């Protein structure tokens, strides 16, 4: 199963679902596709849909998925990174009415540059990224929590 995650932002993300639909029709996606659609109303008989679910259920779906296609939200990306999942991230863009700003471009770019995820945008053929995911090995997730806590402790101790 491929899990597509659109998050909970109130604007629709039809562009990604239309592309996944196109890739299913072209035979580039052969597995079952389950979509967490949030506020996106786009529907296709080639995919299964849930709108919202619990954090625990999302985590279960992440674990079961062969890979995840997600919007560029930090929470959605880091959940998969912590599990070592293969992911394709797609930033929501202002020009398509998918978000209020383009911050997801930077999020996706950073995680892609560090080797944690693959990414797709309008300048890339999704079928190429789908081929790449087959052999992709995501970089291991390393939390920076200890370093952050040490910085905070040093700062507080210095006051």
N, C-alpha and C. Protein backbone atom coordinates (compact mmCIF):
# COMPACT_ATOMS: atom_id res chain seq x y z
N UNK A 1 0.84 -1.18 0.00
CA UNK A 1 0.00 0.00 0.00
C UNK A 1 0.89 1.24 0.00
N UNK A 2 0.50 2.21 -0.83
CA UNK A 2 1.15 3.51 -0.85
C UNK A 2 0.22 4.45 -0.10
N UNK A 3 0.77 5.18 0.85
CA UNK A 3 -0.01 6.10 1.67
C UNK A 3 0.28 7.52 1.21
N UNK A 4 -0.78 8.23 0.81
CA UNK A 4 -0.66 9.63 0.39
C UNK A 4 -1.22 10.49 1.52
N UNK A 5 -0.40 11.43 2.01
CA UNK A 5 -0.76 12.24 3.17
C UNK A 5 -0.87 13.71 2.75
N UNK A 6 -2.07 14.27 2.92
CA UNK A 6 -2.29 15.67 2.57
C UNK A 6 -2.38 16.58 3.79
N UNK A 7 -2.39 16.01 4.99
CA UNK A 7 -2.40 16.80 6.21
C UNK A 7 -3.76 17.39 6.52
N UNK A 8 -3.75 18.43 7.36
CA UNK A 8 -4.99 19.00 7.86
C UNK A 8 -5.20 20.46 7.45
N UNK A 9 -4.30 21.01 6.63
CA UNK A 9 -4.45 22.41 6.22
C UNK A 9 -5.75 22.59 5.46
N UNK A 10 -6.40 23.74 5.67
CA UNK A 10 -7.76 23.93 5.14
C UNK A 10 -7.88 24.12 3.63
N UNK A 11 -6.76 24.38 2.94
CA UNK A 11 -6.84 24.54 1.48
C UNK A 11 -6.64 23.20 0.77
N UNK A 12 -7.30 23.00 -0.37
CA UNK A 12 -7.21 21.71 -1.07
C UNK A 12 -5.85 21.51 -1.75
N UNK A 13 -5.54 20.24 -2.00
CA UNK A 13 -4.28 19.87 -2.67
C UNK A 13 -4.60 18.90 -3.81
N UNK A 14 -5.52 19.32 -4.69
CA UNK A 14 -5.94 18.50 -5.83
C UNK A 14 -4.79 18.13 -6.75
N UNK A 15 -3.85 19.05 -6.94
CA UNK A 15 -2.75 18.84 -7.89
C UNK A 15 -2.01 17.53 -7.62
N UNK A 16 -1.72 17.24 -6.38
CA UNK A 16 -1.00 16.01 -6.06
C UNK A 16 -1.87 14.79 -6.34
N UNK A 17 -3.13 14.82 -5.97
CA UNK A 17 -4.00 13.66 -6.21
C UNK A 17 -4.24 13.43 -7.69
N UNK A 18 -4.34 14.49 -8.46
CA UNK A 18 -4.50 14.33 -9.91
C UNK A 18 -3.26 13.67 -10.51
N UNK A 19 -2.08 14.02 -10.01
CA UNK A 19 -0.85 13.41 -10.51
C UNK A 19 -0.77 11.94 -10.12
N UNK A 20 -1.14 11.61 -8.89
CA UNK A 20 -1.14 10.20 -8.46
C UNK A 20 -2.14 9.43 -9.30
N UNK A 21 -3.31 9.99 -9.52
CA UNK A 21 -4.33 9.37 -10.37
C UNK A 21 -3.78 9.09 -11.77
N UNK A 22 -3.09 10.06 -12.33
CA UNK A 22 -2.47 9.93 -13.65
C UNK A 22 -1.44 8.80 -13.66
N UNK A 23 -0.64 8.69 -12.60
CA UNK A 23 0.39 7.65 -12.54
C UNK A 23 -0.23 6.26 -12.37
N UNK A 24 -1.35 6.17 -11.69
CA UNK A 24 -2.06 4.89 -11.58
C UNK A 24 -2.58 4.50 -12.96
N UNK A 25 -3.21 5.43 -13.65
CA UNK A 25 -3.75 5.16 -15.00
C UNK A 25 -2.67 4.75 -15.98
N UNK A 26 -1.47 5.33 -15.82
CA UNK A 26 -0.34 5.03 -16.72
C UNK A 26 0.34 3.71 -16.36
N UNK A 27 -0.07 3.10 -15.24
CA UNK A 27 0.54 1.83 -14.82
C UNK A 27 1.84 2.00 -14.04
N UNK A 28 2.18 3.22 -13.66
CA UNK A 28 3.40 3.46 -12.90
C UNK A 28 3.22 3.22 -11.41
N UNK A 29 1.98 3.20 -10.95
CA UNK A 29 1.64 2.82 -9.58
C UNK A 29 0.70 1.63 -9.68
N UNK A 30 1.14 0.52 -9.13
CA UNK A 30 0.36 -0.72 -9.22
C UNK A 30 -0.23 -1.14 -7.88
N UNK A 31 0.31 -0.61 -6.79
CA UNK A 31 -0.17 -0.95 -5.45
C UNK A 31 -1.46 -0.20 -5.13
N UNK A 32 -2.15 -0.69 -4.12
CA UNK A 32 -3.29 0.04 -3.58
C UNK A 32 -2.80 1.39 -3.06
N UNK A 33 -3.60 2.44 -3.27
CA UNK A 33 -3.27 3.77 -2.78
C UNK A 33 -4.35 4.20 -1.79
N UNK A 34 -3.91 4.55 -0.59
CA UNK A 34 -4.79 5.08 0.44
C UNK A 34 -4.41 6.54 0.67
N UNK A 35 -5.41 7.42 0.65
CA UNK A 35 -5.17 8.86 0.78
C UNK A 35 -5.79 9.38 2.07
N UNK A 36 -4.98 10.09 2.85
CA UNK A 36 -5.49 10.89 3.97
C UNK A 36 -5.70 12.26 3.35
N UNK A 37 -6.95 12.59 3.06
CA UNK A 37 -7.27 13.74 2.21
C UNK A 37 -7.45 15.06 2.95
N UNK A 38 -7.72 15.03 4.24
CA UNK A 38 -7.96 16.28 4.96
C UNK A 38 -9.12 17.04 4.35
N UNK A 39 -8.90 18.30 3.98
CA UNK A 39 -9.95 19.14 3.42
C UNK A 39 -10.04 19.05 1.89
N UNK A 40 -9.21 18.25 1.26
CA UNK A 40 -9.23 18.10 -0.19
C UNK A 40 -10.40 17.21 -0.60
N UNK A 41 -11.23 17.70 -1.50
CA UNK A 41 -12.45 16.99 -1.90
C UNK A 41 -12.28 16.14 -3.16
N UNK A 42 -11.14 16.24 -3.84
CA UNK A 42 -10.90 15.46 -5.06
C UNK A 42 -11.06 13.97 -4.73
N UNK A 43 -11.74 13.23 -5.57
CA UNK A 43 -11.93 11.80 -5.38
C UNK A 43 -11.72 11.07 -6.70
N UNK A 44 -11.28 9.83 -6.59
CA UNK A 44 -11.06 8.96 -7.74
C UNK A 44 -11.38 7.54 -7.31
N UNK A 45 -11.95 6.77 -8.22
CA UNK A 45 -12.24 5.37 -7.89
C UNK A 45 -10.98 4.50 -7.92
N UNK A 46 -9.83 5.09 -8.25
CA UNK A 46 -8.58 4.35 -8.28
C UNK A 46 -7.85 4.39 -6.93
N UNK A 47 -8.39 5.16 -5.98
CA UNK A 47 -7.77 5.30 -4.67
C UNK A 47 -8.83 5.17 -3.59
N UNK A 48 -8.37 4.82 -2.38
CA UNK A 48 -9.26 4.81 -1.21
C UNK A 48 -8.97 6.07 -0.40
N UNK A 49 -9.98 6.59 0.29
CA UNK A 49 -9.84 7.87 0.97
C UNK A 49 -10.32 7.81 2.42
N UNK A 50 -9.58 8.50 3.28
CA UNK A 50 -10.04 8.88 4.61
C UNK A 50 -9.74 10.37 4.72
N UNK A 51 -10.60 11.11 5.39
CA UNK A 51 -10.36 12.55 5.50
C UNK A 51 -9.38 12.84 6.65
N UNK A 52 -9.76 12.47 7.85
CA UNK A 52 -8.95 12.71 9.04
C UNK A 52 -8.91 11.43 9.87
N UNK A 53 -7.90 11.31 10.71
CA UNK A 53 -7.80 10.16 11.59
C UNK A 53 -6.95 10.55 12.80
N UNK A 54 -6.76 9.62 13.69
CA UNK A 54 -5.97 9.89 14.89
C UNK A 54 -4.48 9.79 14.58
N UNK A 55 -3.67 10.34 15.47
CA UNK A 55 -2.22 10.24 15.34
C UNK A 55 -1.79 8.77 15.35
N UNK A 56 -2.38 8.00 16.23
CA UNK A 56 -2.02 6.58 16.34
C UNK A 56 -2.34 5.81 15.06
N UNK A 57 -3.49 6.10 14.47
CA UNK A 57 -3.87 5.43 13.23
C UNK A 57 -2.96 5.86 12.08
N UNK A 58 -2.60 7.16 12.06
CA UNK A 58 -1.66 7.64 11.03
C UNK A 58 -0.34 6.89 11.15
N UNK A 59 0.16 6.75 12.36
CA UNK A 59 1.42 6.04 12.57
C UNK A 59 1.32 4.60 12.10
N UNK A 60 0.20 3.96 12.35
CA UNK A 60 -0.02 2.59 11.88
C UNK A 60 0.00 2.52 10.36
N UNK A 61 -0.65 3.48 9.70
CA UNK A 61 -0.68 3.51 8.24
C UNK A 61 0.71 3.78 7.67
N UNK A 62 1.47 4.65 8.30
CA UNK A 62 2.86 4.90 7.89
C UNK A 62 3.66 3.60 7.94
N UNK A 63 3.52 2.88 9.06
CA UNK A 63 4.29 1.62 9.22
C UNK A 63 3.91 0.60 8.15
N UNK A 64 2.63 0.51 7.79
CA UNK A 64 2.16 -0.48 6.82
C UNK A 64 2.52 -0.13 5.38
N UNK A 65 2.72 1.15 5.10
CA UNK A 65 2.93 1.61 3.72
C UNK A 65 4.29 1.16 3.19
N UNK A 66 4.34 0.80 1.91
CA UNK A 66 5.63 0.51 1.28
C UNK A 66 6.41 1.80 1.11
N UNK A 67 5.71 2.90 0.83
CA UNK A 67 6.29 4.24 0.88
C UNK A 67 5.17 5.25 1.00
N UNK A 68 5.58 6.49 1.30
CA UNK A 68 4.63 7.56 1.55
C UNK A 68 4.85 8.68 0.54
N UNK A 69 3.75 9.22 0.03
CA UNK A 69 3.78 10.45 -0.76
C UNK A 69 3.09 11.48 0.12
N UNK A 70 3.79 12.55 0.47
CA UNK A 70 3.25 13.50 1.43
C UNK A 70 3.38 14.95 0.98
N UNK A 71 2.52 15.78 1.53
CA UNK A 71 2.68 17.22 1.36
C UNK A 71 3.94 17.62 2.12
N UNK A 72 4.36 18.86 2.01
CA UNK A 72 5.62 19.28 2.60
C UNK A 72 5.55 19.73 4.04
N UNK A 73 4.60 19.23 4.80
CA UNK A 73 4.49 19.59 6.21
C UNK A 73 5.54 18.88 7.05
N UNK A 74 6.13 19.62 7.98
CA UNK A 74 7.20 19.08 8.81
C UNK A 74 6.76 17.85 9.60
N UNK A 75 5.58 17.89 10.20
CA UNK A 75 5.10 16.77 10.99
C UNK A 75 4.92 15.51 10.17
N UNK A 76 4.36 15.66 8.99
CA UNK A 76 4.15 14.50 8.11
C UNK A 76 5.47 13.91 7.64
N UNK A 77 6.43 14.77 7.34
CA UNK A 77 7.73 14.30 6.88
C UNK A 77 8.51 13.64 8.01
N UNK A 78 8.56 14.30 9.17
CA UNK A 78 9.37 13.75 10.26
C UNK A 78 8.79 12.45 10.82
N UNK A 79 7.48 12.26 10.75
CA UNK A 79 6.91 10.98 11.19
C UNK A 79 7.50 9.84 10.35
N UNK A 80 7.54 10.02 9.05
CA UNK A 80 8.11 9.00 8.19
C UNK A 80 9.61 8.85 8.37
N UNK A 81 10.31 9.97 8.57
CA UNK A 81 11.76 9.92 8.77
C UNK A 81 12.11 9.10 10.01
N UNK A 82 11.38 9.33 11.08
CA UNK A 82 11.64 8.59 12.33
C UNK A 82 11.47 7.09 12.14
N UNK A 83 10.59 6.70 11.22
CA UNK A 83 10.35 5.28 10.95
C UNK A 83 11.27 4.73 9.87
N UNK A 84 12.09 5.59 9.28
CA UNK A 84 12.98 5.15 8.20
C UNK A 84 12.25 4.84 6.91
N UNK A 85 11.09 5.48 6.70
CA UNK A 85 10.27 5.20 5.52
C UNK A 85 10.78 5.94 4.29
N UNK A 86 10.59 5.33 3.14
CA UNK A 86 10.84 6.01 1.87
C UNK A 86 9.67 6.98 1.66
N UNK A 87 10.02 8.21 1.29
CA UNK A 87 8.99 9.23 1.10
C UNK A 87 9.28 10.10 -0.11
N UNK A 88 8.20 10.49 -0.76
CA UNK A 88 8.25 11.52 -1.79
C UNK A 88 7.44 12.68 -1.22
N UNK A 89 8.07 13.84 -1.09
CA UNK A 89 7.37 15.00 -0.55
C UNK A 89 7.10 16.01 -1.66
N UNK A 90 5.96 16.66 -1.57
CA UNK A 90 5.52 17.63 -2.56
C UNK A 90 5.06 18.88 -1.83
N UNK A 91 5.74 20.01 -2.03
CA UNK A 91 5.32 21.23 -1.34
C UNK A 91 4.01 21.78 -1.89
N UNK A 92 3.16 22.21 -0.98
CA UNK A 92 1.97 22.97 -1.36
C UNK A 92 2.43 24.35 -1.82
N UNK A 93 1.83 24.88 -2.87
CA UNK A 93 2.28 26.15 -3.44
C UNK A 93 1.18 27.21 -3.46
N UNK A 94 1.58 28.45 -3.21
CA UNK A 94 0.65 29.58 -3.25
C UNK A 94 0.05 29.74 -4.63
N UNK A 95 0.87 29.58 -5.68
CA UNK A 95 0.38 29.85 -7.04
C UNK A 95 -0.79 28.96 -7.45
N UNK A 96 -0.97 27.83 -6.77
CA UNK A 96 -2.11 26.94 -7.05
C UNK A 96 -3.20 27.05 -5.98
N UNK A 97 -3.06 27.99 -5.07
CA UNK A 97 -4.05 28.14 -4.00
C UNK A 97 -4.01 27.01 -2.99
N UNK A 98 -2.84 26.40 -2.80
CA UNK A 98 -2.70 25.25 -1.90
C UNK A 98 -2.22 25.64 -0.51
N UNK A 99 -1.69 26.87 -0.39
CA UNK A 99 -1.19 27.35 0.90
C UNK A 99 -1.14 28.87 0.89
N UNK A 100 -0.89 29.45 2.06
CA UNK A 100 -0.82 30.91 2.20
C UNK A 100 0.56 31.46 1.88
N UNK A 101 1.58 30.62 1.95
CA UNK A 101 2.94 31.01 1.59
C UNK A 101 3.67 29.77 1.08
N UNK A 102 4.92 29.96 0.67
CA UNK A 102 5.67 28.85 0.06
C UNK A 102 6.71 28.23 0.99
N UNK A 103 6.46 28.25 2.29
CA UNK A 103 7.45 27.71 3.22
C UNK A 103 7.73 26.23 3.01
N UNK A 104 6.78 25.48 2.46
CA UNK A 104 7.01 24.05 2.26
C UNK A 104 8.09 23.77 1.22
N UNK A 105 8.34 24.72 0.34
CA UNK A 105 9.43 24.54 -0.63
C UNK A 105 10.75 24.38 0.11
N UNK A 106 10.99 25.25 1.09
CA UNK A 106 12.23 25.18 1.87
C UNK A 106 12.31 23.92 2.71
N UNK A 107 11.21 23.52 3.31
CA UNK A 107 11.19 22.30 4.13
C UNK A 107 11.56 21.10 3.27
N UNK A 108 10.89 20.96 2.14
CA UNK A 108 11.14 19.82 1.25
C UNK A 108 12.57 19.87 0.70
N UNK A 109 13.02 21.04 0.29
CA UNK A 109 14.38 21.18 -0.24
C UNK A 109 15.42 20.74 0.79
N UNK A 110 15.26 21.18 2.04
CA UNK A 110 16.23 20.84 3.09
C UNK A 110 16.28 19.33 3.34
N UNK A 111 15.12 18.70 3.51
CA UNK A 111 15.09 17.27 3.78
C UNK A 111 15.56 16.46 2.58
N UNK A 112 15.34 16.97 1.38
CA UNK A 112 15.83 16.30 0.17
C UNK A 112 17.35 16.40 0.10
N UNK A 113 17.89 17.59 0.38
CA UNK A 113 19.34 17.78 0.33
C UNK A 113 20.08 16.92 1.34
N UNK A 114 19.45 16.63 2.47
CA UNK A 114 20.10 15.80 3.49
C UNK A 114 19.89 14.30 3.23
N UNK A 115 19.20 13.96 2.14
CA UNK A 115 19.03 12.56 1.77
C UNK A 115 17.95 11.82 2.53
N UNK A 116 17.06 12.56 3.20
CA UNK A 116 16.00 11.90 3.97
C UNK A 116 14.77 11.56 3.13
N UNK A 117 14.55 12.32 2.06
CA UNK A 117 13.34 12.14 1.24
C UNK A 117 13.67 12.36 -0.24
N UNK A 118 12.75 11.94 -1.07
CA UNK A 118 12.74 12.33 -2.48
C UNK A 118 11.70 13.43 -2.61
N UNK A 119 11.75 14.18 -3.70
CA UNK A 119 10.75 15.23 -3.86
C UNK A 119 10.25 15.26 -5.30
N UNK A 120 9.08 15.84 -5.46
CA UNK A 120 8.49 16.02 -6.79
C UNK A 120 7.95 17.44 -6.89
N UNK A 121 8.15 18.04 -8.06
CA UNK A 121 7.55 19.34 -8.36
C UNK A 121 7.18 19.37 -9.83
N UNK A 122 6.66 20.48 -10.27
CA UNK A 122 6.16 20.62 -11.64
C UNK A 122 7.24 20.43 -12.71
N UNK A 123 8.50 20.59 -12.32
CA UNK A 123 9.60 20.48 -13.28
C UNK A 123 10.15 19.06 -13.38
N UNK A 124 9.56 18.14 -12.66
CA UNK A 124 10.04 16.76 -12.61
C UNK A 124 8.93 15.82 -13.06
N UNK A 125 9.29 14.76 -13.74
CA UNK A 125 8.32 13.75 -14.14
C UNK A 125 8.10 12.80 -12.96
N UNK A 126 6.88 12.73 -12.48
CA UNK A 126 6.57 11.87 -11.32
C UNK A 126 6.96 10.42 -11.57
N UNK A 127 6.86 9.95 -12.81
CA UNK A 127 7.22 8.56 -13.09
C UNK A 127 8.70 8.32 -12.82
N UNK A 128 9.55 9.32 -13.05
CA UNK A 128 10.98 9.19 -12.74
C UNK A 128 11.21 9.08 -11.23
N UNK A 129 10.48 9.86 -10.46
CA UNK A 129 10.63 9.82 -9.00
C UNK A 129 10.11 8.48 -8.47
N UNK A 130 9.04 7.97 -9.06
CA UNK A 130 8.51 6.67 -8.64
C UNK A 130 9.51 5.55 -8.92
N UNK A 131 10.25 5.65 -10.02
CA UNK A 131 11.31 4.67 -10.29
C UNK A 131 12.44 4.80 -9.28
N UNK A 132 12.77 6.04 -8.95
CA UNK A 132 13.86 6.30 -8.01
C UNK A 132 13.55 5.78 -6.61
N UNK A 133 12.28 5.82 -6.22
CA UNK A 133 11.91 5.39 -4.87
C UNK A 133 12.20 3.89 -4.66
N UNK A 134 12.19 3.12 -5.74
CA UNK A 134 12.42 1.68 -5.64
C UNK A 134 13.78 1.36 -5.02
N UNK A 135 14.81 2.12 -5.34
CA UNK A 135 16.16 1.85 -4.84
C UNK A 135 16.62 2.87 -3.80
N UNK A 136 15.78 3.85 -3.49
CA UNK A 136 16.15 4.92 -2.55
C UNK A 136 16.32 4.37 -1.15
N UNK A 137 17.41 4.77 -0.50
CA UNK A 137 17.65 4.42 0.89
C UNK A 137 17.73 5.73 1.67
N UNK A 138 16.68 6.06 2.46
CA UNK A 138 16.69 7.33 3.16
C UNK A 138 17.80 7.40 4.22
N UNK A 139 18.37 8.58 4.37
CA UNK A 139 19.37 8.79 5.41
C UNK A 139 18.70 8.56 6.77
N UNK A 140 19.43 7.97 7.70
CA UNK A 140 18.84 7.72 9.03
C UNK A 140 18.46 9.02 9.73
N UNK A 141 17.37 8.98 10.46
CA UNK A 141 16.92 10.14 11.21
C UNK A 141 17.78 10.29 12.46
N UNK A 142 18.24 11.51 12.69
CA UNK A 142 19.01 11.79 13.89
C UNK A 142 18.37 13.01 14.55
N UNK A 143 17.85 12.83 15.73
CA UNK A 143 17.22 13.93 16.45
C UNK A 143 18.28 14.90 16.96
N UNK A 144 17.98 16.15 16.91
CA UNK A 144 18.86 17.17 17.46
C UNK A 144 18.45 17.61 18.85
N UNK A 145 17.57 16.83 19.49
CA UNK A 145 17.04 17.23 20.80
C UNK A 145 18.13 17.40 21.85
N UNK A 146 19.09 16.49 21.93
CA UNK A 146 20.14 16.60 22.94
C UNK A 146 20.96 17.86 22.75
N UNK A 147 21.30 18.17 21.51
CA UNK A 147 22.07 19.37 21.23
C UNK A 147 21.28 20.63 21.61
N UNK A 148 20.00 20.64 21.30
CA UNK A 148 19.16 21.79 21.63
C UNK A 148 19.06 21.95 23.15
N UNK A 149 18.84 20.84 23.85
CA UNK A 149 18.76 20.90 25.31
C UNK A 149 20.07 21.40 25.92
N UNK A 150 21.20 20.95 25.39
CA UNK A 150 22.50 21.42 25.89
C UNK A 150 22.67 22.92 25.67
N UNK A 151 22.26 23.41 24.51
CA UNK A 151 22.34 24.85 24.24
C UNK A 151 21.47 25.63 25.22
N UNK A 152 20.26 25.12 25.46
CA UNK A 152 19.35 25.78 26.41
C UNK A 152 19.91 25.76 27.83
N UNK A 153 20.47 24.61 28.25
CA UNK A 153 21.07 24.50 29.58
C UNK A 153 22.22 25.48 29.73
N UNK A 154 23.09 25.52 28.74
CA UNK A 154 24.24 26.45 28.78
C UNK A 154 23.76 27.90 28.86
N UNK A 155 22.71 28.21 28.11
CA UNK A 155 22.18 29.56 28.13
C UNK A 155 21.61 29.90 29.51
N UNK A 156 20.80 28.99 30.05
CA UNK A 156 20.17 29.23 31.36
C UNK A 156 21.23 29.31 32.45
N UNK A 157 22.22 28.42 32.38
CA UNK A 157 23.30 28.45 33.38
C UNK A 157 24.08 29.74 33.32
N UNK A 158 24.14 30.37 32.17
CA UNK A 158 24.89 31.60 31.99
C UNK A 158 24.15 32.85 32.44
N UNK A 159 22.88 32.70 32.79
CA UNK A 159 22.08 33.86 33.21
C UNK A 159 22.36 34.19 34.65
